[in-house]
């Protein structure tokens, strides 16, 4: 009986070691960092938009608004740019349709961001909108 108990203990011990070592190997594998593409959507056709001069005296360049990659928890600057159109005025950028950002502001990507893309959309107002107040 003593011999059976020793063999049973040895088999159980080996099983526990096998299970622990198998799960231990999974935790040592580093997860690849998730890449999120940041895309700037001008909403209007770019042919209708004219770059204007920024406060630093430089003309806004569309190339400053090229797509790029970032990761959850990282921050990125929204490029500084001033735009104009014959029919619409540029007022800034939005990511969620609620909060607004201007050029030079920082956006921090949430740690739990699940999507593969962040779309930064331009916000325009219509010059002919009757709700605009004349100055």
N, C-alpha and C. Protein backbone atom coordinates (compact mmCIF):
# COMPACT_ATOMS: atom_id res chain seq x y z
N UNK A 1 0.82 -1.18 0.00
CA UNK A 1 0.00 0.00 0.00
C UNK A 1 0.87 1.26 0.00
N UNK A 2 1.97 1.16 0.73
CA UNK A 2 2.88 2.29 0.82
C UNK A 2 3.47 2.60 -0.56
N UNK A 3 3.76 1.54 -1.32
CA UNK A 3 4.33 1.70 -2.66
C UNK A 3 3.32 2.38 -3.60
N UNK A 4 2.05 2.04 -3.51
CA UNK A 4 1.00 2.64 -4.34
C UNK A 4 0.87 4.13 -4.03
N UNK A 5 0.95 4.47 -2.75
CA UNK A 5 0.84 5.87 -2.35
C UNK A 5 2.01 6.69 -2.90
N UNK A 6 3.22 6.12 -2.86
CA UNK A 6 4.39 6.82 -3.37
C UNK A 6 4.27 7.05 -4.87
N UNK A 7 3.81 6.03 -5.60
CA UNK A 7 3.66 6.19 -7.05
C UNK A 7 2.55 7.19 -7.39
N UNK A 8 1.48 7.15 -6.66
CA UNK A 8 0.39 8.10 -6.88
C UNK A 8 0.86 9.53 -6.62
N UNK A 9 1.61 9.72 -5.55
CA UNK A 9 2.14 11.04 -5.22
C UNK A 9 3.11 11.51 -6.30
N UNK A 10 3.93 10.61 -6.83
CA UNK A 10 4.88 10.96 -7.88
C UNK A 10 4.16 11.37 -9.16
N UNK A 11 3.12 10.60 -9.53
CA UNK A 11 2.35 10.91 -10.75
C UNK A 11 1.64 12.26 -10.60
N UNK A 12 1.01 12.50 -9.45
CA UNK A 12 0.31 13.77 -9.21
C UNK A 12 1.31 14.94 -9.22
N UNK A 13 2.45 14.72 -8.62
CA UNK A 13 3.47 15.75 -8.58
C UNK A 13 3.95 16.11 -9.99
N UNK A 14 4.17 15.08 -10.80
CA UNK A 14 4.59 15.30 -12.19
C UNK A 14 3.51 16.03 -12.97
N UNK A 15 2.25 15.69 -12.74
CA UNK A 15 1.14 16.34 -13.44
C UNK A 15 1.06 17.82 -13.07
N UNK A 16 1.20 18.11 -11.79
CA UNK A 16 1.16 19.51 -11.33
C UNK A 16 2.31 20.29 -11.94
N UNK A 17 3.50 19.73 -11.98
CA UNK A 17 4.66 20.41 -12.55
C UNK A 17 4.47 20.66 -14.05
N UNK A 18 3.88 19.68 -14.74
CA UNK A 18 3.63 19.83 -16.17
C UNK A 18 2.65 20.97 -16.44
N UNK A 19 1.56 20.98 -15.69
CA UNK A 19 0.55 22.03 -15.87
C UNK A 19 1.14 23.41 -15.55
N UNK A 20 1.86 23.52 -14.45
CA UNK A 20 2.44 24.81 -14.05
C UNK A 20 3.46 25.30 -15.06
N UNK A 21 4.29 24.41 -15.57
CA UNK A 21 5.30 24.84 -16.54
C UNK A 21 4.66 25.21 -17.87
N UNK A 22 3.58 24.54 -18.24
CA UNK A 22 2.91 24.86 -19.50
C UNK A 22 2.29 26.25 -19.43
N UNK A 23 1.60 26.57 -18.33
CA UNK A 23 0.99 27.90 -18.21
C UNK A 23 2.04 28.97 -17.97
N UNK A 24 3.13 28.63 -17.33
CA UNK A 24 4.20 29.59 -17.10
C UNK A 24 4.84 30.06 -18.39
N UNK A 25 4.89 29.19 -19.39
CA UNK A 25 5.47 29.57 -20.68
C UNK A 25 4.61 30.58 -21.41
N UNK A 26 3.31 30.53 -21.22
CA UNK A 26 2.43 31.47 -21.89
C UNK A 26 2.61 32.88 -21.35
N UNK A 27 2.90 33.01 -20.08
CA UNK A 27 3.02 34.34 -19.50
C UNK A 27 4.33 35.02 -19.87
N UNK A 28 5.32 34.25 -20.32
CA UNK A 28 6.60 34.86 -20.66
C UNK A 28 6.62 35.38 -22.10
N UNK A 29 5.64 35.01 -22.90
CA UNK A 29 5.59 35.48 -24.27
C UNK A 29 5.06 36.92 -24.27
N UNK A 30 5.84 37.83 -24.81
CA UNK A 30 5.43 39.24 -24.83
C UNK A 30 4.41 39.47 -25.93
N UNK A 31 3.35 40.17 -25.59
CA UNK A 31 2.33 40.51 -26.58
C UNK A 31 2.85 41.63 -27.46
N UNK A 32 2.56 41.54 -28.75
CA UNK A 32 2.97 42.59 -29.66
C UNK A 32 2.15 43.84 -29.37
N UNK A 33 2.79 45.01 -29.36
CA UNK A 33 2.02 46.23 -29.11
C UNK A 33 1.02 46.48 -30.24
N UNK A 34 -0.15 46.89 -29.86
CA UNK A 34 -1.20 47.16 -30.84
C UNK A 34 -0.91 48.47 -31.54
N UNK A 35 -1.05 48.49 -32.84
CA UNK A 35 -0.86 49.72 -33.61
C UNK A 35 -2.22 50.25 -34.02
N UNK A 36 -2.40 51.55 -33.84
CA UNK A 36 -3.64 52.22 -34.22
C UNK A 36 -3.28 53.28 -35.25
N UNK A 37 -4.00 53.28 -36.36
CA UNK A 37 -3.75 54.27 -37.40
C UNK A 37 -4.55 55.53 -37.10
N UNK A 38 -3.88 56.67 -37.14
CA UNK A 38 -4.54 57.97 -36.96
C UNK A 38 -4.71 58.58 -38.35
N UNK A 39 -5.97 58.90 -38.70
CA UNK A 39 -6.31 59.41 -40.02
C UNK A 39 -7.00 60.76 -39.86
N UNK A 40 -6.62 61.74 -40.66
CA UNK A 40 -7.26 63.05 -40.66
C UNK A 40 -8.26 63.11 -41.81
N UNK A 41 -9.52 63.36 -41.48
CA UNK A 41 -10.60 63.45 -42.46
C UNK A 41 -11.01 64.91 -42.56
N UNK A 42 -10.80 65.51 -43.72
CA UNK A 42 -11.13 66.92 -43.90
C UNK A 42 -12.61 67.14 -44.18
N UNK A 43 -13.39 66.10 -44.30
CA UNK A 43 -14.83 66.11 -44.53
C UNK A 43 -15.17 66.73 -45.89
N UNK A 44 -14.68 67.93 -46.16
CA UNK A 44 -14.90 68.57 -47.47
C UNK A 44 -13.85 68.07 -48.45
N UNK A 45 -14.17 68.15 -49.71
CA UNK A 45 -13.21 67.79 -50.76
C UNK A 45 -12.02 68.75 -50.67
N UNK A 46 -10.81 68.22 -50.70
CA UNK A 46 -9.61 69.05 -50.54
C UNK A 46 -9.48 70.13 -51.62
N UNK A 47 -10.10 69.92 -52.76
CA UNK A 47 -10.06 70.94 -53.82
C UNK A 47 -10.86 72.18 -53.43
N UNK A 48 -11.79 72.04 -52.48
CA UNK A 48 -12.59 73.18 -52.02
C UNK A 48 -11.93 73.91 -50.85
N UNK A 49 -10.83 73.34 -50.34
CA UNK A 49 -10.17 73.89 -49.15
C UNK A 49 -8.88 74.60 -49.55
N UNK A 50 -8.70 75.79 -49.00
CA UNK A 50 -7.48 76.54 -49.24
C UNK A 50 -6.69 76.63 -47.94
N UNK A 51 -5.41 76.19 -47.97
CA UNK A 51 -4.59 76.38 -46.78
C UNK A 51 -4.38 77.87 -46.52
N UNK A 52 -4.37 78.27 -45.27
CA UNK A 52 -4.19 79.67 -44.90
C UNK A 52 -2.94 79.79 -44.03
N UNK A 53 -2.55 81.03 -43.74
CA UNK A 53 -1.34 81.26 -42.94
C UNK A 53 -1.63 81.06 -41.46
N UNK A 54 -0.73 80.32 -40.80
CA UNK A 54 -0.84 80.09 -39.37
C UNK A 54 -0.29 81.29 -38.62
N UNK A 55 -0.43 81.26 -37.30
CA UNK A 55 0.06 82.36 -36.47
C UNK A 55 1.57 82.56 -36.59
N UNK A 56 2.30 81.48 -36.91
CA UNK A 56 3.75 81.61 -37.04
C UNK A 56 4.17 82.16 -38.41
N UNK A 57 3.19 82.49 -39.25
CA UNK A 57 3.48 83.07 -40.56
C UNK A 57 3.70 82.05 -41.66
N UNK A 58 3.69 80.77 -41.32
CA UNK A 58 3.89 79.70 -42.31
C UNK A 58 2.54 79.28 -42.90
N UNK A 59 2.57 78.93 -44.17
CA UNK A 59 1.37 78.45 -44.83
C UNK A 59 1.12 77.00 -44.40
N UNK A 60 -0.11 76.68 -44.07
CA UNK A 60 -0.48 75.33 -43.66
C UNK A 60 -0.19 74.36 -44.80
N UNK A 61 0.35 73.21 -44.45
CA UNK A 61 0.70 72.19 -45.43
C UNK A 61 -0.16 70.95 -45.18
N UNK A 62 -0.85 70.48 -46.21
CA UNK A 62 -1.68 69.27 -46.06
C UNK A 62 -0.84 68.06 -45.64
N UNK A 63 0.45 68.04 -46.01
CA UNK A 63 1.32 66.91 -45.66
C UNK A 63 1.49 66.75 -44.15
N UNK A 64 1.28 67.83 -43.39
CA UNK A 64 1.37 67.74 -41.92
C UNK A 64 0.25 66.85 -41.36
N UNK A 65 -0.76 66.61 -42.16
CA UNK A 65 -1.93 65.84 -41.71
C UNK A 65 -1.96 64.45 -42.33
N UNK A 66 -0.78 63.90 -42.61
CA UNK A 66 -0.68 62.54 -43.15
C UNK A 66 -1.00 61.53 -42.04
N UNK A 67 -1.50 60.38 -42.44
CA UNK A 67 -1.80 59.30 -41.48
C UNK A 67 -0.51 58.81 -40.84
N UNK A 68 -0.64 58.32 -39.61
CA UNK A 68 0.51 57.74 -38.91
C UNK A 68 0.00 56.71 -37.91
N UNK A 69 0.93 55.97 -37.31
CA UNK A 69 0.59 54.92 -36.35
C UNK A 69 0.91 55.36 -34.93
N UNK A 70 0.09 54.91 -33.98
CA UNK A 70 0.31 55.15 -32.56
C UNK A 70 -0.15 53.90 -31.81
N UNK A 71 -0.11 53.94 -30.49
CA UNK A 71 -0.50 52.78 -29.69
C UNK A 71 -1.38 53.24 -28.53
N UNK A 72 -2.15 52.32 -27.94
CA UNK A 72 -2.95 52.68 -26.76
C UNK A 72 -2.06 53.23 -25.66
N UNK A 73 -2.53 54.28 -25.00
CA UNK A 73 -1.78 54.90 -23.92
C UNK A 73 -0.81 55.97 -24.40
N UNK A 74 -0.58 56.05 -25.70
CA UNK A 74 0.33 57.05 -26.26
C UNK A 74 -0.45 58.35 -26.50
N UNK A 75 0.29 59.44 -26.66
CA UNK A 75 -0.30 60.74 -26.96
C UNK A 75 0.22 61.21 -28.32
N UNK A 76 -0.58 62.04 -28.98
CA UNK A 76 -0.11 62.66 -30.22
C UNK A 76 -0.64 64.08 -30.30
N UNK A 77 0.12 64.92 -31.01
CA UNK A 77 -0.27 66.31 -31.23
C UNK A 77 -1.12 66.40 -32.48
N UNK A 78 -2.14 67.22 -32.42
CA UNK A 78 -2.90 67.54 -33.61
C UNK A 78 -2.15 68.66 -34.30
N UNK A 79 -1.75 68.47 -35.57
CA UNK A 79 -0.94 69.50 -36.24
C UNK A 79 -1.65 70.85 -36.30
N UNK A 80 -0.87 71.89 -36.30
CA UNK A 80 -1.41 73.24 -36.41
C UNK A 80 -1.73 73.52 -37.87
N UNK A 81 -2.92 73.97 -38.12
CA UNK A 81 -3.30 74.30 -39.48
C UNK A 81 -4.52 75.20 -39.51
N UNK A 82 -4.53 76.09 -40.47
CA UNK A 82 -5.67 76.99 -40.68
C UNK A 82 -6.14 76.76 -42.12
N UNK A 83 -7.43 76.60 -42.27
CA UNK A 83 -7.99 76.33 -43.59
C UNK A 83 -9.17 77.26 -43.84
N UNK A 84 -9.48 77.42 -45.11
CA UNK A 84 -10.60 78.27 -45.49
C UNK A 84 -11.26 77.67 -46.72
N UNK A 85 -12.49 78.06 -46.94
CA UNK A 85 -13.25 77.61 -48.10
C UNK A 85 -14.18 78.75 -48.48
N UNK A 86 -14.62 78.76 -49.73
CA UNK A 86 -15.56 79.80 -50.16
C UNK A 86 -16.90 79.68 -49.46
N UNK A 87 -17.25 78.47 -49.05
CA UNK A 87 -18.58 78.23 -48.49
C UNK A 87 -18.57 77.89 -47.00
N UNK A 88 -17.41 77.46 -46.47
CA UNK A 88 -17.36 77.00 -45.09
C UNK A 88 -16.14 77.58 -44.36
N UNK A 89 -16.30 77.75 -43.06
CA UNK A 89 -15.20 78.19 -42.21
C UNK A 89 -14.71 77.02 -41.36
N UNK A 90 -13.42 76.93 -41.20
CA UNK A 90 -12.82 75.86 -40.41
C UNK A 90 -12.79 76.27 -38.95
N UNK A 91 -13.22 75.35 -38.05
CA UNK A 91 -13.23 75.71 -36.63
C UNK A 91 -12.44 74.76 -35.75
N UNK A 92 -11.88 73.68 -36.29
CA UNK A 92 -11.07 72.79 -35.47
C UNK A 92 -11.29 71.33 -35.84
N UNK A 93 -11.03 70.45 -34.87
CA UNK A 93 -11.07 69.02 -35.09
C UNK A 93 -11.87 68.33 -34.00
N UNK A 94 -12.42 67.17 -34.33
CA UNK A 94 -13.08 66.35 -33.33
C UNK A 94 -12.76 64.88 -33.59
N UNK A 95 -12.73 64.11 -32.53
CA UNK A 95 -12.49 62.67 -32.66
C UNK A 95 -13.77 61.91 -32.39
N UNK A 96 -14.56 62.43 -31.47
CA UNK A 96 -15.79 61.73 -31.08
C UNK A 96 -17.06 62.49 -31.43
N UNK A 97 -16.95 63.64 -32.10
CA UNK A 97 -18.13 64.42 -32.45
C UNK A 97 -18.65 65.26 -31.29
N UNK A 98 -17.97 65.21 -30.15
CA UNK A 98 -18.41 65.96 -28.98
C UNK A 98 -17.33 66.94 -28.52
N UNK A 99 -16.14 66.43 -28.24
CA UNK A 99 -15.04 67.29 -27.81
C UNK A 99 -14.32 67.85 -29.02
N UNK A 100 -13.95 69.11 -28.93
CA UNK A 100 -13.24 69.78 -30.02
C UNK A 100 -11.79 70.03 -29.67
N UNK A 101 -10.95 70.01 -30.68
CA UNK A 101 -9.51 70.24 -30.52
C UNK A 101 -9.06 71.24 -31.58
N UNK A 102 -8.05 72.03 -31.22
CA UNK A 102 -7.44 72.92 -32.19
C UNK A 102 -6.01 72.43 -32.42
N UNK A 103 -5.38 72.93 -33.47
CA UNK A 103 -4.01 72.54 -33.76
C UNK A 103 -3.09 72.83 -32.59
N UNK A 104 -2.19 71.90 -32.33
CA UNK A 104 -1.24 72.04 -31.24
C UNK A 104 -1.68 71.37 -29.96
N UNK A 105 -2.93 70.96 -29.87
CA UNK A 105 -3.41 70.26 -28.67
C UNK A 105 -2.99 68.80 -28.71
N UNK A 106 -2.96 68.20 -27.55
CA UNK A 106 -2.56 66.79 -27.41
C UNK A 106 -3.79 65.92 -27.20
N UNK A 107 -3.79 64.77 -27.84
CA UNK A 107 -4.83 63.77 -27.61
C UNK A 107 -4.15 62.51 -27.08
N UNK A 108 -4.64 62.00 -25.97
CA UNK A 108 -4.10 60.76 -25.40
C UNK A 108 -5.05 59.62 -25.74
N UNK A 109 -4.50 58.59 -26.37
CA UNK A 109 -5.28 57.42 -26.74
C UNK A 109 -5.55 56.61 -25.47
N UNK A 110 -6.82 56.29 -25.19
CA UNK A 110 -7.12 55.50 -23.99
C UNK A 110 -6.39 54.15 -24.00
N UNK A 111 -6.00 53.68 -22.83
CA UNK A 111 -5.29 52.40 -22.69
C UNK A 111 -6.13 51.24 -23.22
N UNK A 112 -7.45 51.33 -23.09
CA UNK A 112 -8.33 50.24 -23.50
C UNK A 112 -8.95 50.47 -24.89
N UNK A 113 -8.33 51.32 -25.71
CA UNK A 113 -8.87 51.62 -27.04
C UNK A 113 -8.88 50.33 -27.87
N UNK A 114 -10.04 49.93 -28.35
CA UNK A 114 -10.20 48.63 -29.01
C UNK A 114 -10.17 48.70 -30.54
N UNK A 115 -10.40 49.87 -31.10
CA UNK A 115 -10.47 50.00 -32.55
C UNK A 115 -9.07 50.00 -33.18
N UNK A 116 -9.02 49.81 -34.50
CA UNK A 116 -7.75 49.83 -35.24
C UNK A 116 -7.44 51.20 -35.83
N UNK A 117 -8.39 52.14 -35.71
CA UNK A 117 -8.21 53.43 -36.35
C UNK A 117 -8.85 54.53 -35.52
N UNK A 118 -8.20 55.69 -35.50
CA UNK A 118 -8.77 56.90 -34.91
C UNK A 118 -8.94 57.89 -36.06
N UNK A 119 -10.15 58.38 -36.24
CA UNK A 119 -10.42 59.35 -37.30
C UNK A 119 -10.59 60.72 -36.66
N UNK A 120 -9.70 61.63 -37.02
CA UNK A 120 -9.75 63.01 -36.54
C UNK A 120 -10.43 63.81 -37.65
N UNK A 121 -11.68 64.26 -37.38
CA UNK A 121 -12.47 64.93 -38.41
C UNK A 121 -12.44 66.43 -38.25
N UNK A 122 -12.35 67.11 -39.38
CA UNK A 122 -12.42 68.57 -39.39
C UNK A 122 -13.85 69.00 -39.10
N UNK A 123 -13.98 70.12 -38.40
CA UNK A 123 -15.29 70.68 -38.09
C UNK A 123 -15.40 71.99 -38.86
N UNK A 124 -16.46 72.09 -39.65
CA UNK A 124 -16.69 73.26 -40.50
C UNK A 124 -18.03 73.88 -40.14
N UNK A 125 -18.15 75.16 -40.39
CA UNK A 125 -19.46 75.82 -40.27
C UNK A 125 -19.77 76.48 -41.61
N UNK A 126 -21.04 76.51 -41.93
CA UNK A 126 -21.51 77.05 -43.20
C UNK A 126 -21.66 78.57 -43.07
N UNK A 127 -21.01 79.30 -43.98
CA UNK A 127 -21.10 80.76 -43.95
C UNK A 127 -22.52 81.26 -44.14
N UNK A 128 -23.36 80.49 -44.81
CA UNK A 128 -24.73 80.91 -45.08
C UNK A 128 -25.71 80.49 -44.00
N UNK A 129 -25.22 79.89 -42.94
CA UNK A 129 -26.10 79.44 -41.86
C UNK A 129 -26.73 80.66 -41.18
N UNK A 130 -28.06 80.76 -41.15
CA UNK A 130 -28.71 81.94 -40.57
C UNK A 130 -28.49 82.06 -39.06
N UNK A 131 -28.04 81.00 -38.41
CA UNK A 131 -27.81 81.06 -36.98
C UNK A 131 -26.52 81.79 -36.61
N UNK A 132 -25.65 82.04 -37.60
CA UNK A 132 -24.40 82.75 -37.32
C UNK A 132 -24.72 84.21 -37.01
N UNK A 133 -24.04 84.74 -36.05
CA UNK A 133 -24.27 86.13 -35.64
C UNK A 133 -23.35 87.04 -36.45
N UNK A 134 -23.94 88.06 -37.03
CA UNK A 134 -23.16 89.05 -37.80
C UNK A 134 -22.41 89.95 -36.84
N UNK A 135 -21.17 90.22 -37.14
CA UNK A 135 -20.39 91.14 -36.30
C UNK A 135 -20.10 92.41 -37.03
